[in-house]
Amino acid sequence: GSRSPSRRGRPERSEGPRGTADDAQVLIIHFGSKSTPMIAQQLRQIGLRSRIIHAAEVPLLVTPGYHPKLVILSGGDDSVANPNAPTIDDADLAVFTRQGVVLGICYGAQLLATKLGGQVARAAIPEFGEVPVQLQQPFGAYPGGTVVMNHNDEIVTLPAGWQIIASPPHCRHALVGAGHVYAAVFHPEVDHSEHGDALLAHLAFTLAGCQPDYTYHL
């Protein structure tokens, strides 16, 4: 279907409590978004467990023993322009990008852009609610479509080497990135974002090399 699958699934108990695992292939770093649990839910629907931690816990995880294949930086209510806004150390980010793929969502997208040399500024037209995005270049089975935006800031200058993958009418940089790092200014995890499951599946399975490790029953 064009929207995310129904969330009436019954997970198997043997797969762990609600699909979580300390050694999960997918690590979600929580920056305060209320929809962070929905990222984990959508991952379960495509067959992946995940681990959620707060940003402050990241240094405790960057150890020789844990190598997540996909790291997702969640959204959040803060602005990267705020000097006290939550962040991730450059060295820790470098470890994650060297070991696997990193995806930033909304605030996480803006944080990645600024960390890697791009610029974020107050949006000329803040975007909230459902917005159509058009694919600018192929990205697996993700076709674009209607997505949910919730941001006052926007990425105005891309880091070197990043490409535009999808654009909405008022902001060129809805889905951008290259190589091991991608940034979605919208929220692919929420119900009203179309094809968010296809986007996460391409990142997790095709680009990051994850293997299905969770059984989700409708």
Protein backbone atom coordinates (compact mmCIF):
# COMPACT_ATOMS: atom_id res chain seq x y z
CA GLY A 1 0.00 0.00 0.00
CA SER A 2 0.98 3.63 -0.27
CA ARG A 3 0.89 4.19 3.45
CA SER A 4 2.59 2.39 6.31
CA PRO A 5 1.08 -0.98 7.23
CA SER A 6 -1.45 -1.32 10.02
CA ARG A 7 0.02 -1.39 13.50
CA ARG A 8 -2.13 -4.21 14.86
CA GLY A 9 0.73 -6.71 14.71
CA ARG A 10 1.48 -9.29 17.39
CA PRO A 11 5.24 -9.78 17.78
CA GLU A 12 6.63 -13.16 18.71
CA ARG A 13 7.85 -13.25 22.31
CA SER A 14 11.06 -15.01 21.32
CA GLU A 15 12.23 -11.93 19.43
CA GLY A 16 12.60 -9.83 22.57
CA PRO A 17 10.38 -7.25 24.33
CA ARG A 18 8.73 -5.13 21.63
CA GLY A 19 11.51 -5.88 19.20
CA THR A 20 14.31 -4.29 21.21
CA ALA A 21 17.80 -5.70 21.64
CA ASP A 22 21.05 -4.37 23.07
CA ASP A 23 22.92 -5.80 20.08
CA ALA A 24 20.39 -4.67 17.45
CA GLN A 25 21.65 -3.88 13.97
CA VAL A 26 19.76 -0.56 14.11
CA LEU A 27 20.50 2.06 16.76
CA ILE A 28 18.08 4.96 17.25
CA ILE A 29 19.48 8.03 19.00
CA HIS A 30 16.66 9.95 20.67
CA PHE A 31 16.78 13.76 20.49
CA GLY A 32 13.34 14.36 22.01
CA SER A 33 10.82 13.69 19.24
CA LYS A 34 7.49 12.25 20.36
CA SER A 35 7.52 10.04 17.25
CA THR A 36 10.79 8.25 18.08
CA PRO A 37 8.89 5.07 19.17
CA MET A 38 7.24 5.10 15.73
CA ILE A 39 10.67 4.72 14.11
CA ALA A 40 11.17 1.52 16.07
CA GLN A 41 7.65 0.41 15.19
CA GLN A 42 8.21 0.91 11.48
CA LEU A 43 11.51 -0.95 11.68
CA ARG A 44 9.69 -3.90 13.28
CA GLN A 45 7.20 -3.83 10.42
CA ILE A 46 9.99 -4.26 7.87
CA GLY A 47 11.60 -7.01 9.97
CA LEU A 48 14.20 -5.33 12.17
CA ARG A 49 14.78 -4.98 15.88
CA SER A 50 16.31 -1.76 17.17
CA ARG A 51 17.80 -0.16 20.25
CA ILE A 52 16.82 3.33 21.43
CA ILE A 53 19.18 5.45 23.53
CA HIS A 54 19.32 9.12 24.52
CA ALA A 55 21.92 11.31 22.87
CA ALA A 56 23.84 11.65 26.14
CA GLU A 57 24.36 7.87 26.22
CA VAL A 58 26.18 7.70 22.87
CA PRO A 59 29.75 7.87 24.29
CA LEU A 60 28.98 4.80 26.40
CA LEU A 61 28.10 2.82 23.28
CA VAL A 62 31.04 3.64 21.03
CA THR A 63 33.03 0.60 22.07
CA PRO A 64 34.84 -2.15 20.14
CA GLY A 65 32.03 -4.58 20.88
CA TYR A 66 28.96 -2.89 19.34
CA HIS A 67 28.80 -1.97 15.67
CA PRO A 68 25.29 -0.97 14.55
CA LYS A 69 24.83 -1.15 10.79
CA LEU A 70 22.26 1.66 10.68
CA VAL A 71 22.17 4.60 13.10
CA ILE A 72 19.10 6.88 13.06
CA LEU A 73 19.16 10.34 14.66
CA SER A 74 15.59 11.21 15.65
CA GLY A 75 13.76 14.50 15.42
CA GLY A 76 13.46 16.91 18.33
CA ASP A 77 11.97 20.23 19.40
CA ASP A 78 15.23 22.16 19.62
CA SER A 79 17.10 24.16 16.96
CA VAL A 80 20.68 23.40 15.96
CA ALA A 81 21.27 27.16 16.26
CA ASN A 82 20.80 26.85 20.03
CA PRO A 83 24.24 26.40 21.63
CA ASN A 84 22.66 24.19 24.32
CA ALA A 85 20.85 21.95 21.85
CA PRO A 86 21.53 18.20 22.13
CA THR A 87 24.28 16.95 19.85
CA ILE A 88 26.64 14.09 19.08
CA ASP A 89 30.43 14.30 19.23
CA ASP A 90 32.22 14.50 15.90
CA ALA A 91 34.37 11.50 16.84
CA ASP A 92 31.34 9.35 17.68
CA LEU A 93 29.60 10.36 14.44
CA ALA A 94 32.75 9.45 12.52
CA VAL A 95 32.71 5.98 14.10
CA PHE A 96 29.09 5.43 13.08
CA THR A 97 29.64 6.59 9.49
CA ARG A 98 32.76 4.47 9.19
CA GLN A 99 31.00 1.33 10.47
CA GLY A 100 27.64 1.73 8.74
CA VAL A 101 24.94 4.09 7.47
CA VAL A 102 23.57 7.12 9.34
CA LEU A 103 20.13 8.66 8.78
CA GLY A 104 19.04 11.95 10.35
CA ILE A 105 15.31 12.72 10.66
CA CYS A 106 14.12 16.36 11.01
CA TYR A 107 16.29 17.76 13.85
CA GLY A 108 18.67 14.84 13.32
CA ALA A 109 18.90 15.76 9.63
CA GLN A 110 19.79 19.36 10.44
CA LEU A 111 22.33 18.23 13.02
CA LEU A 112 24.03 15.98 10.47
CA ALA A 113 24.11 18.77 7.89
CA THR A 114 25.79 21.24 10.25
CA LYS A 115 28.21 18.62 11.58
CA LEU A 116 29.41 17.79 8.09
CA GLY A 117 29.87 21.33 6.80
CA GLY A 118 26.41 22.36 5.58
CA GLN A 119 24.30 25.27 6.83
CA VAL A 120 20.91 25.40 8.52
CA ALA A 121 18.83 28.58 8.83
CA ARG A 122 15.33 29.71 9.67
CA ALA A 123 13.04 28.59 6.87
CA ALA A 124 11.49 31.28 4.70
CA ILE A 125 8.33 29.17 4.72
CA PRO A 126 8.17 26.83 7.75
CA GLU A 127 6.53 23.54 6.82
CA PHE A 128 4.02 21.69 8.95
CA GLY A 129 1.65 18.88 8.12
CA GLU A 130 1.37 16.90 4.88
CA VAL A 131 3.56 18.10 2.01
CA PRO A 132 4.19 16.43 -1.37
CA VAL A 133 7.79 15.58 -2.25
CA GLN A 134 9.09 14.69 -5.68
CA LEU A 135 11.98 12.31 -6.28
CA GLN A 136 14.94 13.93 -8.01
CA GLN A 137 16.95 10.73 -8.45
CA PRO A 138 16.30 7.02 -7.84
CA PHE A 139 16.50 5.83 -4.25
CA GLY A 140 15.70 2.13 -4.14
CA ALA A 141 11.95 1.46 -4.18
CA TYR A 142 11.16 4.80 -2.50
CA PRO A 143 8.94 6.77 -4.93
CA GLY A 144 8.40 10.00 -2.98
CA GLY A 145 4.83 11.11 -2.29
CA THR A 146 3.12 12.88 0.60
CA VAL A 147 5.23 13.29 3.74
CA VAL A 148 4.75 14.91 7.14
CA MET A 149 6.88 17.99 7.84
CA ASN A 150 7.32 19.69 11.21
CA HIS A 151 10.15 22.22 11.09
CA ASN A 152 10.92 25.92 11.40
CA ASP A 153 14.52 25.55 10.19
CA GLU A 154 15.79 24.14 6.90
CA ILE A 155 19.05 22.95 5.38
CA VAL A 156 20.11 25.80 3.09
CA THR A 157 23.59 24.61 2.07
CA LEU A 158 24.51 20.96 1.65
CA PRO A 159 27.73 19.41 2.92
CA ALA A 160 30.28 18.67 0.20
CA GLY A 161 29.33 15.66 -1.87
CA TRP A 162 25.70 15.49 -0.75
CA GLN A 163 23.03 15.17 -3.42
CA ILE A 164 19.36 16.10 -3.55
CA ILE A 165 17.20 12.97 -3.59
CA ALA A 166 13.71 14.42 -3.02
CA SER A 167 12.30 17.95 -2.89
CA PRO A 168 9.02 19.57 -1.75
CA PRO A 169 7.61 22.77 -3.30
CA HIS A 170 9.07 25.24 -0.78
CA CYS A 171 12.30 23.60 0.39
CA ARG A 172 14.75 21.97 -2.01
CA HIS A 173 16.34 19.72 0.56
CA ALA A 174 13.72 17.26 1.84
CA LEU A 175 15.82 14.12 1.40
CA VAL A 176 19.53 14.59 0.82
CA GLY A 177 22.82 12.82 1.38
CA ALA A 178 25.32 10.45 -0.19
CA GLY A 179 27.43 7.42 0.62
CA HIS A 180 26.96 6.51 4.26
CA VAL A 181 25.00 9.59 5.44
CA TYR A 182 21.43 10.67 4.61
CA ALA A 183 19.11 13.35 5.97
CA ALA A 184 15.30 13.45 5.78
CA VAL A 185 13.82 16.76 6.90
CA PHE A 186 10.40 15.04 7.01
CA HIS A 187 9.18 12.22 9.29
CA PRO A 188 9.08 8.93 7.34
CA GLU A 189 8.03 7.06 10.49
CA VAL A 190 4.55 8.58 10.92
CA ASP A 191 1.40 7.08 9.40
CA HIS A 192 0.62 9.94 7.02
CA SER A 193 4.05 9.88 5.37
CA GLU A 194 3.71 7.69 2.29
CA HIS A 195 6.25 4.96 1.60
CA GLY A 196 8.29 5.61 4.74
CA ASP A 197 8.72 1.85 5.04
CA ALA A 198 10.29 1.70 1.55
CA LEU A 199 12.70 4.49 2.48
CA LEU A 200 13.84 2.78 5.68
CA ALA A 201 14.04 -0.61 3.95
CA HIS A 202 16.38 0.76 1.26
CA LEU A 203 18.61 2.35 3.87
CA ALA A 204 18.64 -0.67 6.17
CA PHE A 205 18.80 -3.61 3.79
CA THR A 206 20.36 -2.28 0.57
CA LEU A 207 22.74 0.39 1.86
CA ALA A 208 23.52 -0.76 5.41
CA GLY A 209 23.42 -4.51 4.76
CA CYS A 210 21.07 -5.37 7.63
CA GLN A 211 19.51 -8.83 7.76
CA PRO A 212 15.88 -9.36 8.89
CA ASP A 213 15.82 -10.37 12.55
CA TYR A 214 12.24 -9.75 13.68
CA THR A 215 8.94 -11.38 12.74
CA TYR A 216 5.96 -9.04 12.61
CA HIS A 217 2.47 -10.61 12.40
CA LEU A 218 -0.48 -8.70 11.01
